[in-house]
Amino acid sequence: MKIKKYIYIALGCISVALGAVGAVVPILPTVPFLLFAAFCFTKSSEKLNTWFKGTKLYKNNLESYVKEKGMTRKTKIKIMVTVTILMVIGFVMMKKVIVGQIALGIVWLCHLLYFIFGIKTISPNYNVSVQTENE
């Protein structure tokens, strides 16, 4: 069991690092790495989980999604643009693999539909901590 805990800690730390890089580099996604880090820290260490949830990286990118199942329009657009760029690169690289291009097109379309209709858009002024304290 201890080895499993250390694996989760290592994966969580790597994911936080990649998420931090993704916050600066537009082609690297931030949210999936941070979600994975949150999952890993929840499974491994309460102390790391508490620390991670207190970071600005978590508060700016995940807190609203985790608490309210929603994202700001800016966050949604940033994720959709990043995924679109990556999908276009893959699409171009598969110019002779029509089935691959069709599969990428379907995945891209499903991704866009999910972010447009499946995730609630919240106000950028939304403050999760104030909202939860008032309830």
C-alpha atoms as a PDB file:
ATOM      1  CA  MET A   1       0.000   0.000   0.000  1.00  0.00           C
ATOM      2  CA  LYS A   2       2.848   2.437   0.723  1.00  0.00           C
ATOM      3  CA  ILE A   3       4.242   1.988  -2.784  1.00  0.00           C
ATOM      4  CA  LYS A   4       0.833   2.849  -4.248  1.00  0.00           C
ATOM      5  CA  LYS A   5       0.739   6.012  -2.103  1.00  0.00           C
ATOM      6  CA  TYR A   6       4.197   7.089  -3.302  1.00  0.00           C
ATOM      7  CA  ILE A   7       3.242   6.429  -6.920  1.00  0.00           C
ATOM      8  CA  TYR A   8       0.181   8.668  -6.513  1.00  0.00           C
ATOM      9  CA  ILE A   9       2.334  11.374  -4.896  1.00  0.00           C
ATOM     10  CA  ALA A  10       4.890  11.213  -7.712  1.00  0.00           C
ATOM     11  CA  LEU A  11       2.204  11.288 -10.413  1.00  0.00           C
ATOM     12  CA  GLY A  12       0.462  14.169  -8.636  1.00  0.00           C
ATOM     13  CA  CYS A  13       3.668  16.206  -8.450  1.00  0.00           C
ATOM     14  CA  ILE A  14       4.444  15.559 -12.119  1.00  0.00           C
ATOM     15  CA  SER A  15       0.885  16.565 -13.038  1.00  0.00           C
ATOM     16  CA  VAL A  16       1.113  19.796 -11.037  1.00  0.00           C
ATOM     17  CA  ALA A  17       4.382  20.622 -12.800  1.00  0.00           C
ATOM     18  CA  LEU A  18       2.878  19.919 -16.238  1.00  0.00           C
ATOM     19  CA  GLY A  19      -0.248  21.899 -15.316  1.00  0.00           C
ATOM     20  CA  ALA A  20       1.897  24.840 -14.218  1.00  0.00           C
ATOM     21  CA  VAL A  21       3.785  24.735 -17.513  1.00  0.00           C
ATOM     22  CA  GLY A  22       0.443  24.473 -19.321  1.00  0.00           C
ATOM     23  CA  ALA A  23      -0.752  27.645 -17.608  1.00  0.00           C
ATOM     24  CA  VAL A  24       2.072  29.494 -19.351  1.00  0.00           C
ATOM     25  CA  VAL A  25       2.533  27.549 -22.607  1.00  0.00           C
ATOM     26  CA  PRO A  26      -0.678  27.726 -24.642  1.00  0.00           C
ATOM     27  CA  ILE A  27      -0.228  24.418 -26.475  1.00  0.00           C
ATOM     28  CA  LEU A  28      -0.037  22.333 -23.281  1.00  0.00           C
ATOM     29  CA  PRO A  29      -3.404  21.824 -21.557  1.00  0.00           C
ATOM     30  CA  THR A  30      -3.656  22.847 -17.909  1.00  0.00           C
ATOM     31  CA  VAL A  31      -6.970  21.530 -16.610  1.00  0.00           C
ATOM     32  CA  PRO A  32      -6.537  17.795 -17.337  1.00  0.00           C
ATOM     33  CA  PHE A  33      -3.168  17.728 -15.575  1.00  0.00           C
ATOM     34  CA  LEU A  34      -4.521  19.605 -12.578  1.00  0.00           C
ATOM     35  CA  LEU A  35      -7.572  17.342 -12.376  1.00  0.00           C
ATOM     36  CA  PHE A  36      -5.282  14.335 -12.395  1.00  0.00           C
ATOM     37  CA  ALA A  37      -3.096  15.925  -9.710  1.00  0.00           C
ATOM     38  CA  ALA A  38      -6.173  16.524  -7.547  1.00  0.00           C
ATOM     39  CA  PHE A  39      -7.173  12.889  -7.996  1.00  0.00           C
ATOM     40  CA  CYS A  40      -3.674  11.648  -7.112  1.00  0.00           C
ATOM     41  CA  PHE A  41      -3.353  13.850  -4.036  1.00  0.00           C
ATOM     42  CA  THR A  42      -6.814  12.828  -2.833  1.00  0.00           C
ATOM     43  CA  LYS A  43      -5.755   9.184  -3.071  1.00  0.00           C
ATOM     44  CA  SER A  44      -2.330   9.661  -1.474  1.00  0.00           C
ATOM     45  CA  SER A  45      -2.064  12.384   1.140  1.00  0.00           C
ATOM     46  CA  GLU A  46      -4.515  14.667   2.934  1.00  0.00           C
ATOM     47  CA  LYS A  47      -1.671  17.110   3.588  1.00  0.00           C
ATOM     48  CA  LEU A  48      -0.763  17.378  -0.121  1.00  0.00           C
ATOM     49  CA  ASN A  49      -4.434  17.559  -1.063  1.00  0.00           C
ATOM     50  CA  THR A  50      -4.987  20.484   1.318  1.00  0.00           C
ATOM     51  CA  TRP A  51      -1.841  22.224   0.051  1.00  0.00           C
ATOM     52  CA  PHE A  52      -2.856  21.743  -3.598  1.00  0.00           C
ATOM     53  CA  LYS A  53      -6.367  23.091  -3.027  1.00  0.00           C
ATOM     54  CA  GLY A  54      -4.829  26.189  -1.463  1.00  0.00           C
ATOM     55  CA  THR A  55      -2.629  27.002  -4.460  1.00  0.00           C
ATOM     56  CA  LYS A  56      -3.447  29.803  -6.869  1.00  0.00           C
ATOM     57  CA  LEU A  57      -3.115  27.317  -9.727  1.00  0.00           C
ATOM     58  CA  TYR A  58      -5.977  25.230  -8.306  1.00  0.00           C
ATOM     59  CA  LYS A  59      -8.136  28.223  -7.421  1.00  0.00           C
ATOM     60  CA  ASN A  60      -7.762  29.846 -10.854  1.00  0.00           C
ATOM     61  CA  ASN A  61      -8.281  26.718 -12.951  1.00  0.00           C
ATOM     62  CA  LEU A  62     -10.249  24.082 -11.045  1.00  0.00           C
ATOM     63  CA  GLU A  63     -12.051  25.369  -7.983  1.00  0.00           C
ATOM     64  CA  SER A  64     -15.123  26.655  -9.810  1.00  0.00           C
ATOM     65  CA  TYR A  65     -15.357  23.437 -11.829  1.00  0.00           C
ATOM     66  CA  VAL A  66     -15.019  21.167  -8.807  1.00  0.00           C
ATOM     67  CA  LYS A  67     -17.463  23.138  -6.618  1.00  0.00           C
ATOM     68  CA  GLU A  68     -20.067  24.150  -9.192  1.00  0.00           C
ATOM     69  CA  LYS A  69     -19.393  21.898 -12.197  1.00  0.00           C
ATOM     70  CA  GLY A  70     -18.840  24.985 -14.303  1.00  0.00           C
ATOM     71  CA  MET A  71     -16.094  27.063 -15.914  1.00  0.00           C
ATOM     72  CA  THR A  72     -15.746  30.651 -16.974  1.00  0.00           C
ATOM     73  CA  ARG A  73     -16.164  31.393 -20.656  1.00  0.00           C
ATOM     74  CA  LYS A  74     -12.465  32.357 -20.855  1.00  0.00           C
ATOM     75  CA  THR A  75     -11.376  28.984 -19.409  1.00  0.00           C
ATOM     76  CA  LYS A  76     -13.689  27.053 -21.720  1.00  0.00           C
ATOM     77  CA  ILE A  77     -12.411  28.933 -24.786  1.00  0.00           C
ATOM     78  CA  LYS A  78      -8.779  28.454 -23.740  1.00  0.00           C
ATOM     79  CA  ILE A  79      -9.308  24.684 -23.435  1.00  0.00           C
ATOM     80  CA  MET A  80     -11.238  24.439 -26.721  1.00  0.00           C
ATOM     81  CA  VAL A  81      -8.591  26.426 -28.633  1.00  0.00           C
ATOM     82  CA  THR A  82      -5.777  24.281 -27.214  1.00  0.00           C
ATOM     83  CA  VAL A  83      -7.545  21.039 -28.093  1.00  0.00           C
ATOM     84  CA  THR A  84      -8.410  22.349 -31.558  1.00  0.00           C
ATOM     85  CA  ILE A  85      -4.772  23.242 -32.250  1.00  0.00           C
ATOM     86  CA  LEU A  86      -3.605  19.805 -31.107  1.00  0.00           C
ATOM     87  CA  MET A  87      -6.309  18.053 -33.136  1.00  0.00           C
ATOM     88  CA  VAL A  88      -5.399  20.042 -36.260  1.00  0.00           C
ATOM     89  CA  ILE A  89      -1.756  19.009 -35.865  1.00  0.00           C
ATOM     90  CA  GLY A  90      -2.817  15.373 -35.556  1.00  0.00           C
ATOM     91  CA  PHE A  91      -5.214  15.734 -38.486  1.00  0.00           C
ATOM     92  CA  VAL A  92      -2.492  17.152 -40.733  1.00  0.00           C
ATOM     93  CA  MET A  93      -0.013  14.469 -39.693  1.00  0.00           C
ATOM     94  CA  MET A  94      -2.549  11.774 -40.648  1.00  0.00           C
ATOM     95  CA  LYS A  95      -3.099  13.066 -44.160  1.00  0.00           C
ATOM     96  CA  LYS A  96      -2.919   9.544 -45.619  1.00  0.00           C
ATOM     97  CA  VAL A  97      -4.948   7.874 -42.863  1.00  0.00           C
ATOM     98  CA  ILE A  98      -8.541   8.815 -43.610  1.00  0.00           C
ATOM     99  CA  VAL A  99      -9.958   6.681 -40.773  1.00  0.00           C
ATOM    100  CA  GLY A 100      -7.680   8.471 -38.316  1.00  0.00           C
ATOM    101  CA  GLN A 101      -8.782  11.854 -39.600  1.00  0.00           C
ATOM    102  CA  ILE A 102     -12.443  10.858 -39.267  1.00  0.00           C
ATOM    103  CA  ALA A 103     -11.846   9.592 -35.720  1.00  0.00           C
ATOM    104  CA  LEU A 104     -10.048  12.821 -34.758  1.00  0.00           C
ATOM    105  CA  GLY A 105     -12.840  14.866 -36.298  1.00  0.00           C
ATOM    106  CA  ILE A 106     -15.481  12.996 -34.306  1.00  0.00           C
ATOM    107  CA  VAL A 107     -13.490  13.315 -31.056  1.00  0.00           C
ATOM    108  CA  TRP A 108     -12.956  17.027 -31.704  1.00  0.00           C
ATOM    109  CA  LEU A 109     -16.653  17.592 -32.414  1.00  0.00           C
ATOM    110  CA  CYS A 110     -17.693  15.682 -29.273  1.00  0.00           C
ATOM    111  CA  HIS A 111     -15.188  17.687 -27.248  1.00  0.00           C
ATOM    112  CA  LEU A 112     -16.575  20.991 -28.508  1.00  0.00           C
ATOM    113  CA  LEU A 113     -20.167  19.930 -27.925  1.00  0.00           C
ATOM    114  CA  TYR A 114     -19.340  18.797 -24.388  1.00  0.00           C
ATOM    115  CA  PHE A 115     -17.646  22.072 -23.495  1.00  0.00           C
ATOM    116  CA  ILE A 116     -20.354  24.191 -25.103  1.00  0.00           C
ATOM    117  CA  PHE A 117     -23.419  22.321 -23.817  1.00  0.00           C
ATOM    118  CA  GLY A 118     -22.212  19.944 -21.089  1.00  0.00           C
ATOM    119  CA  ILE A 119     -20.262  22.285 -18.820  1.00  0.00           C
ATOM    120  CA  LYS A 120     -22.072  25.177 -17.206  1.00  0.00           C
ATOM    121  CA  THR A 121     -20.662  28.632 -17.992  1.00  0.00           C
ATOM    122  CA  ILE A 122     -20.259  30.686 -14.843  1.00  0.00           C
ATOM    123  CA  SER A 123     -19.551  34.371 -14.334  1.00  0.00           C
ATOM    124  CA  PRO A 124     -15.868  35.364 -14.136  1.00  0.00           C
ATOM    125  CA  ASN A 125     -16.727  37.294 -10.958  1.00  0.00           C
ATOM    126  CA  TYR A 126     -18.043  34.143  -9.294  1.00  0.00           C
ATOM    127  CA  ASN A 127     -16.367  33.600  -5.923  1.00  0.00           C
ATOM    128  CA  VAL A 128     -16.607  29.969  -4.789  1.00  0.00           C
ATOM    129  CA  SER A 129     -15.463  30.599  -1.206  1.00  0.00           C
ATOM    130  CA  VAL A 130     -18.085  33.332  -0.629  1.00  0.00           C
ATOM    131  CA  GLN A 131     -20.792  31.195  -2.237  1.00  0.00           C
ATOM    132  CA  THR A 132     -20.086  28.149  -0.038  1.00  0.00           C
ATOM    133  CA  GLU A 133     -19.861  30.220   3.167  1.00  0.00           C
ATOM    134  CA  ASN A 134     -23.304  31.742   2.566  1.00  0.00           C
ATOM    135  CA  GLU A 135     -25.024  28.381   2.090  1.00  0.00           C
END
